[in-house]
Full PDB file with SEQRES, HELIX, SHEET, SSBOND, CRYST1, ORIGX, SCALE, CONECT and MASTER records, all heavy atoms in Angstrom:
SEQRES   1 A   29  GLU ALA VAL GLU GLU VAL ASP ASP PRO MET LEU VAL ARG          
SEQRES   2 A   29  ALA GLY LYS LEU GLY ASN GLU HIS GLU ALA ARG ALA LEU          
SEQRES   3 A   29  ASP ASP TYR                                                  
HELIX    1 AA1 PRO A    9  ASP A   28  1                                  20    
CRYST1    1.000    1.000    1.000  90.00  90.00  90.00 P 1           1          
ORIGX1      1.000000  0.000000  0.000000        0.00000                         
ORIGX2      0.000000  1.000000  0.000000        0.00000                         
ORIGX3      0.000000  0.000000  1.000000        0.00000                         
SCALE1      1.000000  0.000000  0.000000        0.00000                         
SCALE2      0.000000  1.000000  0.000000        0.00000                         
SCALE3      0.000000  0.000000  1.000000        0.00000                         
ATOM      1  N   GLU A   1       9.324  17.452   9.682  1.00  0.00           N  
ATOM      2  CA  GLU A   1      10.245  16.386  10.209  1.00  0.00           C  
ATOM      3  C   GLU A   1       9.435  15.031  10.377  1.00  0.00           C  
ATOM      4  O   GLU A   1       8.336  15.188  10.724  1.00  0.00           O  
ATOM      5  CB  GLU A   1      10.915  16.759  11.461  1.00  0.00           C  
ATOM      6  CG  GLU A   1      11.861  18.032  11.351  1.00  0.00           C  
ATOM      7  CD  GLU A   1      13.088  17.641  10.509  1.00  0.00           C  
ATOM      8  OE1 GLU A   1      13.639  16.492  10.693  1.00  0.00           O  
ATOM      9  OE2 GLU A   1      13.536  18.537   9.787  1.00  0.00           O  
ATOM     10  N   ALA A   2      10.127  13.956  10.000  1.00  0.00           N  
ATOM     11  CA  ALA A   2       9.377  12.715  10.191  1.00  0.00           C  
ATOM     12  C   ALA A   2       9.354  12.395  11.628  1.00  0.00           C  
ATOM     13  O   ALA A   2      10.342  12.813  12.392  1.00  0.00           O  
ATOM     14  CB  ALA A   2      10.251  11.529   9.414  1.00  0.00           C  
ATOM     15  N   VAL A   3       8.374  11.761  12.010  1.00  0.00           N  
ATOM     16  CA  VAL A   3       8.228  11.113  13.399  1.00  0.00           C  
ATOM     17  C   VAL A   3       8.966   9.882  13.551  1.00  0.00           C  
ATOM     18  O   VAL A   3       8.841   9.034  12.702  1.00  0.00           O  
ATOM     19  CB  VAL A   3       6.734  10.952  13.774  1.00  0.00           C  
ATOM     20  CG1 VAL A   3       6.630  10.166  15.079  1.00  0.00           C  
ATOM     21  CG2 VAL A   3       5.994  12.309  13.720  1.00  0.00           C  
ATOM     22  N   GLU A   4       9.700   9.832  14.525  1.00  0.00           N  
ATOM     23  CA  GLU A   4      10.385   8.541  14.843  1.00  0.00           C  
ATOM     24  C   GLU A   4       9.486   7.422  15.228  1.00  0.00           C  
ATOM     25  O   GLU A   4       8.860   7.618  16.301  1.00  0.00           O  
ATOM     26  CB  GLU A   4      11.543   8.713  15.927  1.00  0.00           C  
ATOM     27  CG  GLU A   4      12.425   7.484  16.066  1.00  0.00           C  
ATOM     28  CD  GLU A   4      13.431   7.614  17.236  1.00  0.00           C  
ATOM     29  OE1 GLU A   4      13.542   8.786  17.557  1.00  0.00           O  
ATOM     30  OE2 GLU A   4      14.060   6.570  17.480  1.00  0.00           O  
ATOM     31  N   GLU A   5       9.346   6.378  14.440  1.00  0.00           N  
ATOM     32  CA  GLU A   5       8.364   5.384  14.725  1.00  0.00           C  
ATOM     33  C   GLU A   5       9.069   4.322  15.573  1.00  0.00           C  
ATOM     34  O   GLU A   5      10.075   3.711  15.052  1.00  0.00           O  
ATOM     35  CB  GLU A   5       7.866   4.785  13.406  1.00  0.00           C  
ATOM     36  CG  GLU A   5       7.031   5.760  12.622  1.00  0.00           C  
ATOM     37  CD  GLU A   5       6.260   5.264  11.335  1.00  0.00           C  
ATOM     38  OE1 GLU A   5       5.553   4.190  11.669  1.00  0.00           O  
ATOM     39  OE2 GLU A   5       6.571   5.702  10.377  1.00  0.00           O  
ATOM     40  N   VAL A   6       8.662   3.969  16.767  1.00  0.00           N  
ATOM     41  CA  VAL A   6       9.334   3.100  17.622  1.00  0.00           C  
ATOM     42  C   VAL A   6       8.922   1.647  17.150  1.00  0.00           C  
ATOM     43  O   VAL A   6       7.851   1.310  16.863  1.00  0.00           O  
ATOM     44  CB  VAL A   6       8.775   3.328  19.098  1.00  0.00           C  
ATOM     45  CG1 VAL A   6       9.391   2.384  19.977  1.00  0.00           C  
ATOM     46  CG2 VAL A   6       9.055   4.711  19.528  1.00  0.00           C  
ATOM     47  N   ASP A   7      10.037   0.857  17.155  1.00  0.00           N  
ATOM     48  CA  ASP A   7       9.845  -0.614  16.635  1.00  0.00           C  
ATOM     49  C   ASP A   7       9.062  -1.289  17.861  1.00  0.00           C  
ATOM     50  O   ASP A   7       9.415  -1.173  19.008  1.00  0.00           O  
ATOM     51  CB  ASP A   7      11.240  -1.251  16.531  1.00  0.00           C  
ATOM     52  CG  ASP A   7      11.848  -0.821  15.271  1.00  0.00           C  
ATOM     53  OD1 ASP A   7      11.164  -0.387  14.260  1.00  0.00           O  
ATOM     54  OD2 ASP A   7      13.096  -0.963  15.128  1.00  0.00           O  
ATOM     55  N   ASP A   8       8.015  -1.972  17.469  1.00  0.00           N  
ATOM     56  CA  ASP A   8       7.252  -2.826  18.341  1.00  0.00           C  
ATOM     57  C   ASP A   8       7.833  -4.171  18.304  1.00  0.00           C  
ATOM     58  O   ASP A   8       7.941  -4.863  17.263  1.00  0.00           O  
ATOM     59  CB  ASP A   8       5.784  -2.831  17.861  1.00  0.00           C  
ATOM     60  CG  ASP A   8       4.958  -3.639  18.717  1.00  0.00           C  
ATOM     61  OD1 ASP A   8       5.372  -4.528  19.517  1.00  0.00           O  
ATOM     62  OD2 ASP A   8       3.763  -3.412  18.931  1.00  0.00           O  
ATOM     63  N   PRO A   9       8.320  -4.617  19.405  1.00  0.00           N  
ATOM     64  CA  PRO A   9       8.982  -5.916  19.406  1.00  0.00           C  
ATOM     65  C   PRO A   9       8.134  -7.079  18.875  1.00  0.00           C  
ATOM     66  O   PRO A   9       8.632  -8.036  18.270  1.00  0.00           O  
ATOM     67  CB  PRO A   9       9.309  -6.236  20.946  1.00  0.00           C  
ATOM     68  CG  PRO A   9       9.379  -4.759  21.488  1.00  0.00           C  
ATOM     69  CD  PRO A   9       8.509  -4.013  20.765  1.00  0.00           C  
ATOM     70  N   MET A  10       6.833  -6.913  19.265  1.00  0.00           N  
ATOM     71  CA  MET A  10       5.932  -8.034  18.743  1.00  0.00           C  
ATOM     72  C   MET A  10       5.952  -7.895  17.150  1.00  0.00           C  
ATOM     73  O   MET A  10       5.950  -8.974  16.440  1.00  0.00           O  
ATOM     74  CB  MET A  10       4.508  -7.791  19.294  1.00  0.00           C  
ATOM     75  CG  MET A  10       3.571  -8.858  18.835  1.00  0.00           C  
ATOM     76  SD  MET A  10       3.771 -10.435  19.517  1.00  0.00           S  
ATOM     77  CE  MET A  10       3.150 -10.285  21.261  1.00  0.00           C  
ATOM     78  N   LEU A  11       5.790  -6.725  16.497  1.00  0.00           N  
ATOM     79  CA  LEU A  11       5.745  -6.487  15.166  1.00  0.00           C  
ATOM     80  C   LEU A  11       7.094  -7.080  14.441  1.00  0.00           C  
ATOM     81  O   LEU A  11       7.152  -7.638  13.386  1.00  0.00           O  
ATOM     82  CB  LEU A  11       5.479  -5.135  14.785  1.00  0.00           C  
ATOM     83  CG  LEU A  11       3.963  -4.645  15.044  1.00  0.00           C  
ATOM     84  CD1 LEU A  11       3.802  -3.333  14.601  1.00  0.00           C  
ATOM     85  CD2 LEU A  11       3.007  -5.697  14.515  1.00  0.00           C  
ATOM     86  N   VAL A  12       8.129  -6.711  15.124  1.00  0.00           N  
ATOM     87  CA  VAL A  12       9.444  -7.202  14.626  1.00  0.00           C  
ATOM     88  C   VAL A  12       9.607  -8.749  14.609  1.00  0.00           C  
ATOM     89  O   VAL A  12       9.983  -9.282  13.717  1.00  0.00           O  
ATOM     90  CB  VAL A  12      10.715  -6.683  15.500  1.00  0.00           C  
ATOM     91  CG1 VAL A  12      11.995  -7.256  15.093  1.00  0.00           C  
ATOM     92  CG2 VAL A  12      10.754  -5.114  15.356  1.00  0.00           C  
ATOM     93  N   ARG A  13       9.177  -9.344  15.716  1.00  0.00           N  
ATOM     94  CA  ARG A  13       9.081 -10.749  15.715  1.00  0.00           C  
ATOM     95  C   ARG A  13       8.051 -11.371  14.684  1.00  0.00           C  
ATOM     96  O   ARG A  13       8.474 -12.377  14.044  1.00  0.00           O  
ATOM     97  CB  ARG A  13       8.774 -11.333  17.153  1.00  0.00           C  
ATOM     98  CG  ARG A  13       8.556 -12.887  17.155  1.00  0.00           C  
ATOM     99  CD  ARG A  13       8.541 -13.290  18.648  1.00  0.00           C  
ATOM    100  NE  ARG A  13       7.971 -14.634  18.866  1.00  0.00           N  
ATOM    101  CZ  ARG A  13       8.700 -15.752  18.445  1.00  0.00           C  
ATOM    102  NH1 ARG A  13       9.905 -15.599  17.842  1.00  0.00           N  
ATOM    103  NH2 ARG A  13       8.190 -16.929  18.613  1.00  0.00           N  
ATOM    104  N   ALA A  14       6.982 -10.830  14.495  1.00  0.00           N  
ATOM    105  CA  ALA A  14       6.069 -11.218  13.456  1.00  0.00           C  
ATOM    106  C   ALA A  14       6.592 -10.998  12.125  1.00  0.00           C  
ATOM    107  O   ALA A  14       6.391 -11.919  11.313  1.00  0.00           O  
ATOM    108  CB  ALA A  14       4.704 -10.366  13.648  1.00  0.00           C  
ATOM    109  N   GLY A  15       7.369  -9.961  11.854  1.00  0.00           N  
ATOM    110  CA  GLY A  15       8.021  -9.906  10.557  1.00  0.00           C  
ATOM    111  C   GLY A  15       9.095 -10.861  10.271  1.00  0.00           C  
ATOM    112  O   GLY A  15       9.115 -11.513   9.169  1.00  0.00           O  
ATOM    113  N   LYS A  16       9.836 -11.290  11.383  1.00  0.00           N  
ATOM    114  CA  LYS A  16      10.833 -12.482  11.199  1.00  0.00           C  
ATOM    115  C   LYS A  16      10.053 -13.625  10.856  1.00  0.00           C  
ATOM    116  O   LYS A  16      10.545 -14.405  10.078  1.00  0.00           O  
ATOM    117  CB  LYS A  16      11.665 -12.516  12.450  1.00  0.00           C  
ATOM    118  CG  LYS A  16      12.644 -13.606  12.447  1.00  0.00           C  
ATOM    119  CD  LYS A  16      13.440 -13.503  13.712  1.00  0.00           C  
ATOM    120  CE  LYS A  16      14.505 -14.717  13.709  1.00  0.00           C  
ATOM    121  NZ  LYS A  16      13.904 -16.081  13.941  1.00  0.00           N  
ATOM    122  N   LEU A  17       9.009 -13.979  11.567  1.00  0.00           N  
ATOM    123  CA  LEU A  17       8.376 -15.287  11.361  1.00  0.00           C  
ATOM    124  C   LEU A  17       7.584 -15.315  10.117  1.00  0.00           C  
ATOM    125  O   LEU A  17       7.536 -16.226   9.352  1.00  0.00           O  
ATOM    126  CB  LEU A  17       7.245 -15.464  12.539  1.00  0.00           C  
ATOM    127  CG  LEU A  17       7.838 -15.686  13.997  1.00  0.00           C  
ATOM    128  CD1 LEU A  17       6.705 -15.623  15.029  1.00  0.00           C  
ATOM    129  CD2 LEU A  17       8.557 -16.992  14.059  1.00  0.00           C  
ATOM    130  N   GLY A  18       7.100 -14.051   9.678  1.00  0.00           N  
ATOM    131  CA  GLY A  18       6.608 -13.958   8.306  1.00  0.00           C  
ATOM    132  C   GLY A  18       7.440 -14.314   7.285  1.00  0.00           C  
ATOM    133  O   GLY A  18       7.247 -15.068   6.350  1.00  0.00           O  
ATOM    134  N   ASN A  19       8.761 -13.799   7.416  1.00  0.00           N  
ATOM    135  CA  ASN A  19       9.821 -14.209   6.368  1.00  0.00           C  
ATOM    136  C   ASN A  19      10.084 -15.685   6.354  1.00  0.00           C  
ATOM    137  O   ASN A  19      10.362 -16.292   5.346  1.00  0.00           O  
ATOM    138  CB  ASN A  19      11.131 -13.323   6.710  1.00  0.00           C  
ATOM    139  CG  ASN A  19      10.913 -11.864   6.488  1.00  0.00           C  
ATOM    140  OD1 ASN A  19      10.040 -11.491   5.682  1.00  0.00           O  
ATOM    141  ND2 ASN A  19      11.671 -11.045   6.993  1.00  0.00           N  
ATOM    142  N   GLU A  20      10.110 -16.358   7.473  1.00  0.00           N  
ATOM    143  CA  GLU A  20      10.310 -17.680   7.612  1.00  0.00           C  
ATOM    144  C   GLU A  20       9.177 -18.515   7.024  1.00  0.00           C  
ATOM    145  O   GLU A  20       9.361 -19.570   6.296  1.00  0.00           O  
ATOM    146  CB  GLU A  20      10.514 -18.097   9.087  1.00  0.00           C  
ATOM    147  CG  GLU A  20      11.780 -17.532   9.766  1.00  0.00           C  
ATOM    148  CD  GLU A  20      11.822 -17.931  11.161  1.00  0.00           C  
ATOM    149  OE1 GLU A  20      10.883 -18.522  11.840  1.00  0.00           O  
ATOM    150  OE2 GLU A  20      12.790 -17.535  11.922  1.00  0.00           O  
ATOM    151  N   HIS A  21       7.991 -18.049   7.260  1.00  0.00           N  
ATOM    152  CA  HIS A  21       6.724 -18.570   6.599  1.00  0.00           C  
ATOM    153  C   HIS A  21       6.924 -18.496   5.085  1.00  0.00           C  
ATOM    154  O   HIS A  21       6.617 -19.568   4.308  1.00  0.00           O  
ATOM    155  CB  HIS A  21       5.499 -17.834   7.020  1.00  0.00           C  
ATOM    156  CG  HIS A  21       4.291 -18.351   6.493  1.00  0.00           C  
ATOM    157  ND1 HIS A  21       3.994 -19.695   6.261  1.00  0.00           N  
ATOM    158  CD2 HIS A  21       3.204 -17.624   6.123  1.00  0.00           C  
ATOM    159  CE1 HIS A  21       2.574 -19.768   5.811  1.00  0.00           C  
ATOM    160  NE2 HIS A  21       2.179 -18.461   5.684  1.00  0.00           N  
ATOM    161  N   GLU A  22       7.380 -17.375   4.504  1.00  0.00           N  
ATOM    162  CA  GLU A  22       7.405 -17.177   3.120  1.00  0.00           C  
ATOM    163  C   GLU A  22       8.545 -18.078   2.560  1.00  0.00           C  
ATOM    164  O   GLU A  22       8.312 -18.703   1.449  1.00  0.00           O  
ATOM    165  CB  GLU A  22       7.802 -15.674   2.905  1.00  0.00           C  
ATOM    166  CG  GLU A  22       7.989 -15.417   1.418  1.00  0.00           C  
ATOM    167  CD  GLU A  22       8.316 -13.953   1.218  1.00  0.00           C  
ATOM    168  OE1 GLU A  22       9.532 -13.514   1.481  1.00  0.00           O  
ATOM    169  OE2 GLU A  22       7.490 -13.049   0.914  1.00  0.00           O  
ATOM    170  N   ALA A  23       9.595 -18.265   3.315  1.00  0.00           N  
ATOM    171  CA  ALA A  23      10.789 -19.023   2.958  1.00  0.00           C  
ATOM    172  C   ALA A  23      10.369 -20.532   2.754  1.00  0.00           C  
ATOM    173  O   ALA A  23      10.758 -21.247   1.874  1.00  0.00           O  
ATOM    174  CB  ALA A  23      11.920 -18.844   3.771  1.00  0.00           C  
ATOM    175  N   ARG A  24       9.512 -20.873   3.873  1.00  0.00           N  
ATOM    176  CA  ARG A  24       9.131 -22.367   3.672  1.00  0.00           C  
ATOM    177  C   ARG A  24       8.236 -22.649   2.471  1.00  0.00           C  
ATOM    178  O   ARG A  24       8.323 -23.586   1.801  1.00  0.00           O  
ATOM    179  CB  ARG A  24       8.325 -22.692   4.991  1.00  0.00           C  
ATOM    180  CG  ARG A  24       9.098 -22.935   6.230  1.00  0.00           C  
ATOM    181  CD  ARG A  24       8.374 -23.508   7.339  1.00  0.00           C  
ATOM    182  NE  ARG A  24       7.280 -22.651   7.782  1.00  0.00           N  
ATOM    183  CZ  ARG A  24       7.451 -21.672   8.818  1.00  0.00           C  
ATOM    184  NH1 ARG A  24       8.661 -21.638   9.414  1.00  0.00           N  
ATOM    185  NH2 ARG A  24       6.462 -20.803   9.202  1.00  0.00           N  
ATOM    186  N   ALA A  25       7.337 -21.620   2.124  1.00  0.00           N  
ATOM    187  CA  ALA A  25       6.399 -21.764   0.957  1.00  0.00           C  
ATOM    188  C   ALA A  25       7.354 -21.895  -0.336  1.00  0.00           C  
ATOM    189  O   ALA A  25       7.023 -22.686  -1.210  1.00  0.00           O  
ATOM    190  CB  ALA A  25       5.563 -20.528   0.886  1.00  0.00           C  
ATOM    191  N   LEU A  26       8.323 -21.011  -0.380  1.00  0.00           N  
ATOM    192  CA  LEU A  26       9.221 -21.057  -1.524  1.00  0.00           C  
ATOM    193  C   LEU A  26       9.910 -22.416  -1.679  1.00  0.00           C  
ATOM    194  O   LEU A  26      10.073 -22.921  -2.832  1.00  0.00           O  
ATOM    195  CB  LEU A  26      10.302 -19.876  -1.454  1.00  0.00           C  
ATOM    196  CG  LEU A  26      11.341 -19.862  -2.543  1.00  0.00           C  
ATOM    197  CD1 LEU A  26      10.565 -19.664  -3.909  1.00  0.00           C  
ATOM    198  CD2 LEU A  26      12.373 -18.708  -2.227  1.00  0.00           C  
ATOM    199  N   ASP A  27      10.389 -22.967  -0.502  1.00  0.00           N  
ATOM    200  CA  ASP A  27      11.059 -24.227  -0.644  1.00  0.00           C  
ATOM    201  C   ASP A  27      10.090 -25.323  -1.036  1.00  0.00           C  
ATOM    202  O   ASP A  27      10.543 -26.251  -1.829  1.00  0.00           O  
ATOM    203  CB  ASP A  27      11.605 -24.518   0.830  1.00  0.00           C  
ATOM    204  CG  ASP A  27      12.853 -23.826   1.186  1.00  0.00           C  
ATOM    205  OD1 ASP A  27      13.419 -23.164   0.345  1.00  0.00           O  
ATOM    206  OD2 ASP A  27      13.011 -23.725   2.430  1.00  0.00           O  
ATOM    207  N   ASP A  28       8.862 -25.203  -0.722  1.00  0.00           N  
ATOM    208  CA  ASP A  28       7.872 -26.240  -1.150  1.00  0.00           C  
ATOM    209  C   ASP A  28       7.547 -26.179  -2.604  1.00  0.00           C  
ATOM    210  O   ASP A  28       7.509 -27.119  -3.272  1.00  0.00           O  
ATOM    211  CB  ASP A  28       6.474 -26.025  -0.392  1.00  0.00           C  
ATOM    212  CG  ASP A  28       6.592 -26.311   1.102  1.00  0.00           C  
ATOM    213  OD1 ASP A  28       7.518 -27.196   1.382  1.00  0.00           O  
ATOM    214  OD2 ASP A  28       5.686 -25.845   1.796  1.00  0.00           O  
ATOM    215  N   TYR A  29       7.496 -24.916  -3.215  1.00  0.00           N  
ATOM    216  CA  TYR A  29       7.313 -24.746  -4.598  1.00  0.00           C  
ATOM    217  C   TYR A  29       8.591 -25.169  -5.308  1.00  0.00           C  
ATOM    218  O   TYR A  29       8.406 -25.759  -6.549  1.00  0.00           O  
ATOM    219  CB  TYR A  29       6.996 -23.310  -4.879  1.00  0.00           C  
ATOM    220  CG  TYR A  29       5.617 -22.730  -4.464  1.00  0.00           C  
ATOM    221  CD1 TYR A  29       5.513 -21.541  -3.799  1.00  0.00           C  
ATOM    222  CD2 TYR A  29       4.524 -23.423  -4.660  1.00  0.00           C  
ATOM    223  CE1 TYR A  29       4.300 -21.175  -3.269  1.00  0.00           C  
ATOM    224  CE2 TYR A  29       3.297 -23.108  -4.354  1.00  0.00           C  
ATOM    225  CZ  TYR A  29       3.117 -21.961  -3.484  1.00  0.00           C  
ATOM    226  OH  TYR A  29       1.957 -21.462  -3.135  1.00  0.00           O  
TER     227      TYR A  29                                                      
MASTER        0    0    0    1    0    0    0    6  226    1    0    3          
END                                                                             
């Protein structure tokens, strides 16, 4: 059985900010 991996709020926030960082780069290009 797979182990339930608990979402780390810090990593979730980092992922959201990472997506925003990527979106800004795309807009610049």
